[in-house]
Every structure is written in structure tokens, then in C-alpha cells.
């Protein structure tokens, strides 16, 4: 946390708006929903995999 503040400085609303504007210019309005959909499905898959891993660990502990 401290290292990110040292290298990046404090992130304020103007910096966030600037980053969002650059993303909009790079990808365009049509690609952003597709990117967010892909990001959302990736997060969902990660959560499911983590949940499956936890249940597998619990099953292994009960067998021992």
C-alpha cells in the first residue's frame, strides 16, 4: 500500500476520469461492454474454482 502511494501518488477523481477517458479512446464505446462481460465471467470462474478448491481441501481433511 505504501509503495503504491510512493510511486503513483494519491489517486483522485481527476486521475480516475483521465484513465477512463483514455480507455474509452483506445477501445471505443462498442468494445467496453464486451471487455466488462469477459472480465465478469473471468471473476466468476475464479470464484467457482476457489470455492471448489476449498471444498476439496475440506473433504481431504475429513478423510485423514
PDB file of N, CA and C in Angstrom:
ATOM      1  N   UNK A   1       0.832  -1.179   0.000  1.00  0.00           N
ATOM      2  CA  UNK A   1       0.000   0.000   0.000  1.00  0.00           C
ATOM      3  C   UNK A   1       0.875   1.241   0.000  1.00  0.00           C
ATOM      4  N   UNK A   2       1.834   1.292   0.895  1.00  0.00           N
ATOM      5  CA  UNK A   2       2.686   2.464   0.991  1.00  0.00           C
ATOM      6  C   UNK A   2       3.524   2.626  -0.273  1.00  0.00           C
ATOM      7  N   UNK A   3       4.003   1.512  -0.837  1.00  0.00           N
ATOM      8  CA  UNK A   3       4.808   1.581  -2.053  1.00  0.00           C
ATOM      9  C   UNK A   3       3.994   2.145  -3.214  1.00  0.00           C
ATOM     10  N   UNK A   4       2.710   1.789  -3.303  1.00  0.00           N
ATOM     11  CA  UNK A   4       1.896   2.311  -4.399  1.00  0.00           C
ATOM     12  C   UNK A   4       1.677   3.809  -4.255  1.00  0.00           C
ATOM     13  N   UNK A   5       1.569   4.294  -3.032  1.00  0.00           N
ATOM     14  CA  UNK A   5       1.399   5.734  -2.817  1.00  0.00           C
ATOM     15  C   UNK A   5       2.687   6.459  -3.170  1.00  0.00           C
ATOM     16  N   UNK A   6       3.831   5.855  -2.858  1.00  0.00           N
ATOM     17  CA  UNK A   6       5.114   6.482  -3.162  1.00  0.00           C
ATOM     18  C   UNK A   6       5.304   6.591  -4.670  1.00  0.00           C
ATOM     19  N   UNK A   7       5.041   5.513  -5.409  1.00  0.00           N
ATOM     20  CA  UNK A   7       5.284   5.515  -6.844  1.00  0.00           C
ATOM     21  C   UNK A   7       4.182   6.220  -7.628  1.00  0.00           C
ATOM     22  N   UNK A   8       2.940   6.053  -7.228  1.00  0.00           N
ATOM     23  CA  UNK A   8       1.825   6.591  -8.001  1.00  0.00           C
ATOM     24  C   UNK A   8       1.309   7.918  -7.466  1.00  0.00           C
ATOM     25  N   UNK A   9       1.584   8.211  -6.233  1.00  0.00           N
ATOM     26  CA  UNK A   9       0.977   9.382  -5.619  1.00  0.00           C
ATOM     27  C   UNK A   9      -0.443   9.046  -5.218  1.00  0.00           C
ATOM     28  N   UNK A  10      -1.163  10.034  -4.754  1.00  0.00           N
ATOM     29  CA  UNK A  10      -2.546   9.791  -4.373  1.00  0.00           C
ATOM     30  C   UNK A  10      -3.423   9.797  -5.623  1.00  0.00           C
ATOM     31  N   UNK A  11      -4.329   8.836  -5.693  1.00  0.00           N
ATOM     32  CA  UNK A  11      -5.218   8.729  -6.843  1.00  0.00           C
ATOM     33  C   UNK A  11      -6.516   9.441  -6.496  1.00  0.00           C
ATOM     34  N   UNK A  12      -6.803  10.492  -7.243  1.00  0.00           N
ATOM     35  CA  UNK A  12      -8.003  11.279  -7.009  1.00  0.00           C
ATOM     36  C   UNK A  12      -9.002  11.111  -8.133  1.00  0.00           C
ATOM     37  N   UNK A  13     -10.089  11.830  -8.063  1.00  0.00           N
ATOM     38  CA  UNK A  13     -11.130  11.703  -9.078  1.00  0.00           C
ATOM     39  C   UNK A  13     -10.665  12.139 -10.472  1.00  0.00           C
ATOM     40  N   UNK A  14      -9.804  13.126 -10.555  1.00  0.00           N
ATOM     41  CA  UNK A  14      -9.325  13.574 -11.870  1.00  0.00           C
ATOM     42  C   UNK A  14      -8.472  12.494 -12.539  1.00  0.00           C
ATOM     43  N   UNK A  15      -7.665  11.782 -11.768  1.00  0.00           N
ATOM     44  CA  UNK A  15      -6.845  10.714 -12.342  1.00  0.00           C
ATOM     45  C   UNK A  15      -7.722   9.571 -12.832  1.00  0.00           C
ATOM     46  N   UNK A  16      -8.750   9.258 -12.090  1.00  0.00           N
ATOM     47  CA  UNK A  16      -9.664   8.180 -12.491  1.00  0.00           C
ATOM     48  C   UNK A  16     -10.399   8.563 -13.774  1.00  0.00           C
ATOM     49  N   UNK A  17     -10.865   9.807 -13.853  1.00  0.00           N
ATOM     50  CA  UNK A  17     -11.545  10.274 -15.060  1.00  0.00           C
ATOM     51  C   UNK A  17     -10.608  10.236 -16.256  1.00  0.00           C
ATOM     52  N   UNK A  18      -9.354  10.620 -16.052  1.00  0.00           N
ATOM     53  CA  UNK A  18      -8.374  10.592 -17.133  1.00  0.00           C
ATOM     54  C   UNK A  18      -8.134   9.172 -17.627  1.00  0.00           C
ATOM     55  N   UNK A  19      -8.000   8.229 -16.717  1.00  0.00           N
ATOM     56  CA  UNK A  19      -7.787   6.836 -17.103  1.00  0.00           C
ATOM     57  C   UNK A  19      -9.001   6.302 -17.856  1.00  0.00           C
ATOM     58  N   UNK A  20     -10.195   6.605 -17.382  1.00  0.00           N
ATOM     59  CA  UNK A  20     -11.414   6.154 -18.060  1.00  0.00           C
ATOM     60  C   UNK A  20     -11.530   6.763 -19.455  1.00  0.00           C
ATOM     61  N   UNK A  21     -11.155   8.025 -19.603  1.00  0.00           N
ATOM     62  CA  UNK A  21     -11.200   8.663 -20.921  1.00  0.00           C
ATOM     63  C   UNK A  21     -10.205   8.009 -21.879  1.00  0.00           C
ATOM     64  N   UNK A  22      -9.026   7.685 -21.394  1.00  0.00           N
ATOM     65  CA  UNK A  22      -8.024   7.022 -22.242  1.00  0.00           C
ATOM     66  C   UNK A  22      -8.518   5.646 -22.663  1.00  0.00           C
ATOM     67  N   UNK A  23      -9.117   4.905 -21.735  1.00  0.00           N
ATOM     68  CA  UNK A  23      -9.658   3.587 -22.070  1.00  0.00           C
ATOM     69  C   UNK A  23     -10.753   3.711 -23.116  1.00  0.00           C
ATOM     70  N   UNK A  24     -11.616   4.708 -22.958  1.00  0.00           N
ATOM     71  CA  UNK A  24     -12.688   4.923 -23.936  1.00  0.00           C
ATOM     72  C   UNK A  24     -12.126   5.249 -25.311  1.00  0.00           C
ATOM     73  N   UNK A  25     -11.080   6.049 -25.356  1.00  0.00           N
ATOM     74  CA  UNK A  25     -10.467   6.387 -26.642  1.00  0.00           C
ATOM     75  C   UNK A  25      -9.779   5.189 -27.283  1.00  0.00           C
ATOM     76  N   UNK A  26      -9.128   4.367 -26.470  1.00  0.00           N
ATOM     77  CA  UNK A  26      -8.402   3.214 -27.007  1.00  0.00           C
ATOM     78  C   UNK A  26      -9.338   2.133 -27.537  1.00  0.00           C
ATOM     79  N   UNK A  27     -10.366   1.811 -26.772  1.00  0.00           N
ATOM     80  CA  UNK A  27     -11.210   0.674 -27.115  1.00  0.00           C
ATOM     81  C   UNK A  27     -12.510   1.061 -27.806  1.00  0.00           C
ATOM     82  N   UNK A  28     -12.972   2.252 -27.619  1.00  0.00           N
ATOM     83  CA  UNK A  28     -14.240   2.664 -28.216  1.00  0.00           C
ATOM     84  C   UNK A  28     -15.422   2.211 -27.379  1.00  0.00           C
ATOM     85  N   UNK A  29     -16.560   2.798 -27.644  1.00  0.00           N
ATOM     86  CA  UNK A  29     -17.755   2.521 -26.855  1.00  0.00           C
ATOM     87  C   UNK A  29     -18.323   1.130 -27.052  1.00  0.00           C
ATOM     88  N   UNK A  30     -18.090   0.531 -28.216  1.00  0.00           N
ATOM     89  CA  UNK A  30     -18.677  -0.778 -28.501  1.00  0.00           C
ATOM     90  C   UNK A  30     -17.902  -1.915 -27.839  1.00  0.00           C
ATOM     91  N   UNK A  31     -16.613  -1.750 -27.663  1.00  0.00           N
ATOM     92  CA  UNK A  31     -15.790  -2.829 -27.110  1.00  0.00           C
ATOM     93  C   UNK A  31     -15.831  -2.894 -25.587  1.00  0.00           C
ATOM     94  N   UNK A  32     -16.117  -1.790 -24.925  1.00  0.00           N
ATOM     95  CA  UNK A  32     -16.067  -1.763 -23.466  1.00  0.00           C
ATOM     96  C   UNK A  32     -17.065  -2.741 -22.833  1.00  0.00           C
ATOM     97  N   UNK A  33     -18.334  -2.819 -23.279  1.00  0.00           N
ATOM     98  CA  UNK A  33     -19.227  -3.823 -22.684  1.00  0.00           C
ATOM     99  C   UNK A  33     -18.734  -5.256 -22.875  1.00  0.00           C
ATOM    100  N   UNK A  34     -18.120  -5.528 -24.022  1.00  0.00           N
ATOM    101  CA  UNK A  34     -17.570  -6.867 -24.257  1.00  0.00           C
ATOM    102  C   UNK A  34     -16.420  -7.152 -23.299  1.00  0.00           C
ATOM    103  N   UNK A  35     -15.576  -6.155 -23.065  1.00  0.00           N
ATOM    104  CA  UNK A  35     -14.464  -6.322 -22.132  1.00  0.00           C
ATOM    105  C   UNK A  35     -14.959  -6.562 -20.711  1.00  0.00           C
ATOM    106  N   UNK A  36     -15.983  -5.796 -20.306  1.00  0.00           N
ATOM    107  CA  UNK A  36     -16.521  -5.950 -18.949  1.00  0.00           C
ATOM    108  C   UNK A  36     -17.206  -7.307 -18.783  1.00  0.00           C
ATOM    109  N   UNK A  37     -17.879  -7.777 -19.840  1.00  0.00           N
ATOM    110  CA  UNK A  37     -18.524  -9.094 -19.789  1.00  0.00           C
ATOM    111  C   UNK A  37     -17.466 -10.182 -19.629  1.00  0.00           C
ATOM    112  N   UNK A  38     -16.381 -10.074 -20.378  1.00  0.00           N
ATOM    113  CA  UNK A  38     -15.290 -11.040 -20.260  1.00  0.00           C
ATOM    114  C   UNK A  38     -14.637 -10.989 -18.891  1.00  0.00           C
ATOM    115  N   UNK A  39     -14.459  -9.785 -18.363  1.00  0.00           N
ATOM    116  CA  UNK A  39     -13.874  -9.637 -17.024  1.00  0.00           C
ATOM    117  C   UNK A  39     -14.788 -10.243 -15.970  1.00  0.00           C
ATOM    118  N   UNK A  40     -16.083 -10.002 -16.095  1.00  0.00           N
ATOM    119  CA  UNK A  40     -17.044 -10.556 -15.137  1.00  0.00           C
ATOM    120  C   UNK A  40     -17.075 -12.070 -15.164  1.00  0.00           C
ATOM    121  N   UNK A  41     -17.034 -12.655 -16.350  1.00  0.00           N
ATOM    122  CA  UNK A  41     -17.045 -14.122 -16.431  1.00  0.00           C
ATOM    123  C   UNK A  41     -15.740 -14.699 -15.899  1.00  0.00           C
ATOM    124  N   UNK A  42     -14.631 -13.993 -16.092  1.00  0.00           N
ATOM    125  CA  UNK A  42     -13.356 -14.449 -15.547  1.00  0.00           C
ATOM    126  C   UNK A  42     -13.358 -14.436 -14.030  1.00  0.00           C
ATOM    127  N   UNK A  43     -13.932 -13.391 -13.439  1.00  0.00           N
ATOM    128  CA  UNK A  43     -14.023 -13.303 -11.980  1.00  0.00           C
ATOM    129  C   UNK A  43     -14.930 -14.406 -11.449  1.00  0.00           C
ATOM    130  N   UNK A  44     -16.039 -14.664 -12.153  1.00  0.00           N
ATOM    131  CA  UNK A  44     -16.971 -15.713 -11.726  1.00  0.00           C
ATOM    132  C   UNK A  44     -16.290 -17.081 -11.758  1.00  0.00           C
ATOM    133  N   UNK A  45     -15.525 -17.362 -12.815  1.00  0.00           N
ATOM    134  CA  UNK A  45     -14.809 -18.631 -12.917  1.00  0.00           C
ATOM    135  C   UNK A  45     -13.769 -18.764 -11.809  1.00  0.00           C
ATOM    136  N   UNK A  46     -13.084 -17.668 -11.499  1.00  0.00           N
ATOM    137  CA  UNK A  46     -12.090 -17.685 -10.431  1.00  0.00           C
ATOM    138  C   UNK A  46     -12.736 -17.993  -9.088  1.00  0.00           C
ATOM    139  N   UNK A  47     -13.875 -17.369  -8.803  1.00  0.00           N
ATOM    140  CA  UNK A  47     -14.579 -17.617  -7.543  1.00  0.00           C
ATOM    141  C   UNK A  47     -15.038 -19.063  -7.457  1.00  0.00           C
ATOM    142  N   UNK A  48     -15.567 -19.609  -8.568  1.00  0.00           N
ATOM    143  CA  UNK A  48     -16.012 -21.000  -8.568  1.00  0.00           C
ATOM    144  C   UNK A  48     -14.842 -21.951  -8.337  1.00  0.00           C
ATOM    145  N   UNK A  49     -13.705 -21.673  -8.963  1.00  0.00           N
ATOM    146  CA  UNK A  49     -12.527 -22.522  -8.789  1.00  0.00           C
ATOM    147  C   UNK A  49     -12.023 -22.456  -7.347  1.00  0.00           C
ATOM    148  N   UNK A  50     -12.040 -21.269  -6.765  1.00  0.00           N
ATOM    149  CA  UNK A  50     -11.597 -21.126  -5.375  1.00  0.00           C
ATOM    150  C   UNK A  50     -12.542 -21.871  -4.439  1.00  0.00           C
ATOM    151  N   UNK A  51     -13.842 -21.795  -4.729  1.00  0.00           N
ATOM    152  CA  UNK A  51     -14.830 -22.480  -3.891  1.00  0.00           C
ATOM    153  C   UNK A  51     -14.660 -24.000  -3.998  1.00  0.00           C
ATOM    154  N   UNK A  52     -14.427 -24.496  -5.219  1.00  0.00           N
ATOM    155  CA  UNK A  52     -14.205 -25.932  -5.424  1.00  0.00           C
ATOM    156  C   UNK A  52     -12.940 -26.395  -4.713  1.00  0.00           C
ATOM    157  N   UNK A  53     -11.908 -25.571  -4.736  1.00  0.00           N
ATOM    158  CA  UNK A  53     -10.653 -25.910  -4.076  1.00  0.00           C
ATOM    159  C   UNK A  53     -10.843 -26.000  -2.568  1.00  0.00           C
ATOM    160  N   UNK A  54     -11.630 -25.094  -2.003  1.00  0.00           N
ATOM    161  CA  UNK A  54     -11.893 -25.125  -0.569  1.00  0.00           C
ATOM    162  C   UNK A  54     -12.679 -26.373  -0.179  1.00  0.00           C
ATOM    163  N   UNK A  55     -13.669 -26.737  -0.981  1.00  0.00           N
ATOM    164  CA  UNK A  55     -14.446 -27.931  -0.654  1.00  0.00           C
ATOM    165  C   UNK A  55     -13.594 -29.186  -0.799  1.00  0.00           C
ATOM    166  N   UNK A  56     -12.682 -29.209  -1.783  1.00  0.00           N
ATOM    167  CA  UNK A  56     -11.790 -30.354  -1.950  1.00  0.00           C
ATOM    168  C   UNK A  56     -10.844 -30.466  -0.764  1.00  0.00           C
ATOM    169  N   UNK A  57     -10.364 -29.332  -0.259  1.00  0.00           N
ATOM    170  CA  UNK A  57      -9.484 -29.355   0.904  1.00  0.00           C
ATOM    171  C   UNK A  57     -10.223 -29.858   2.133  1.00  0.00           C
ATOM    172  N   UNK A  58     -11.469 -29.446   2.309  1.00  0.00           N
ATOM    173  CA  UNK A  58     -12.261 -29.899   3.463  1.00  0.00           C
ATOM    174  C   UNK A  58     -12.505 -31.411   3.378  1.00  0.00           C
ATOM    175  N   UNK A  59     -12.775 -31.918   2.167  1.00  0.00           N
ATOM    176  CA  UNK A  59     -13.005 -33.350   2.003  1.00  0.00           C
ATOM    177  C   UNK A  59     -11.737 -34.123   2.307  1.00  0.00           C
ATOM    178  N   UNK A  60     -10.579 -33.613   1.886  1.00  0.00           N
ATOM    179  CA  UNK A  60      -9.317 -34.283   2.168  1.00  0.00           C
ATOM    180  C   UNK A  60      -9.026 -34.313   3.661  1.00  0.00           C
ATOM    181  N   UNK A  61      -9.376 -33.244   4.372  1.00  0.00           N
ATOM    182  CA  UNK A  61      -9.131 -33.186   5.805  1.00  0.00           C
ATOM    183  C   UNK A  61     -10.008 -34.194   6.549  1.00  0.00           C
ATOM    184  N   UNK A  62     -11.233 -34.393   6.095  1.00  0.00           N
ATOM    185  CA  UNK A  62     -12.120 -35.319   6.783  1.00  0.00           C
ATOM    186  C   UNK A  62     -11.720 -36.774   6.528  1.00  0.00           C
ATOM    187  N   UNK A  63     -11.076 -37.056   5.396  1.00  0.00           N
ATOM    188  CA  UNK A  63     -10.653 -38.415   5.091  1.00  0.00           C
ATOM    189  C   UNK A  63      -9.465 -38.839   5.945  1.00  0.00           C
ATOM    190  N   UNK A  64      -8.648 -37.887   6.343  1.00  0.00           N
ATOM    191  CA  UNK A  64      -7.441 -38.220   7.101  1.00  0.00           C
ATOM    192  C   UNK A  64      -7.716 -38.471   8.516  1.00  0.00           C
TER     193      UNK A  64
END
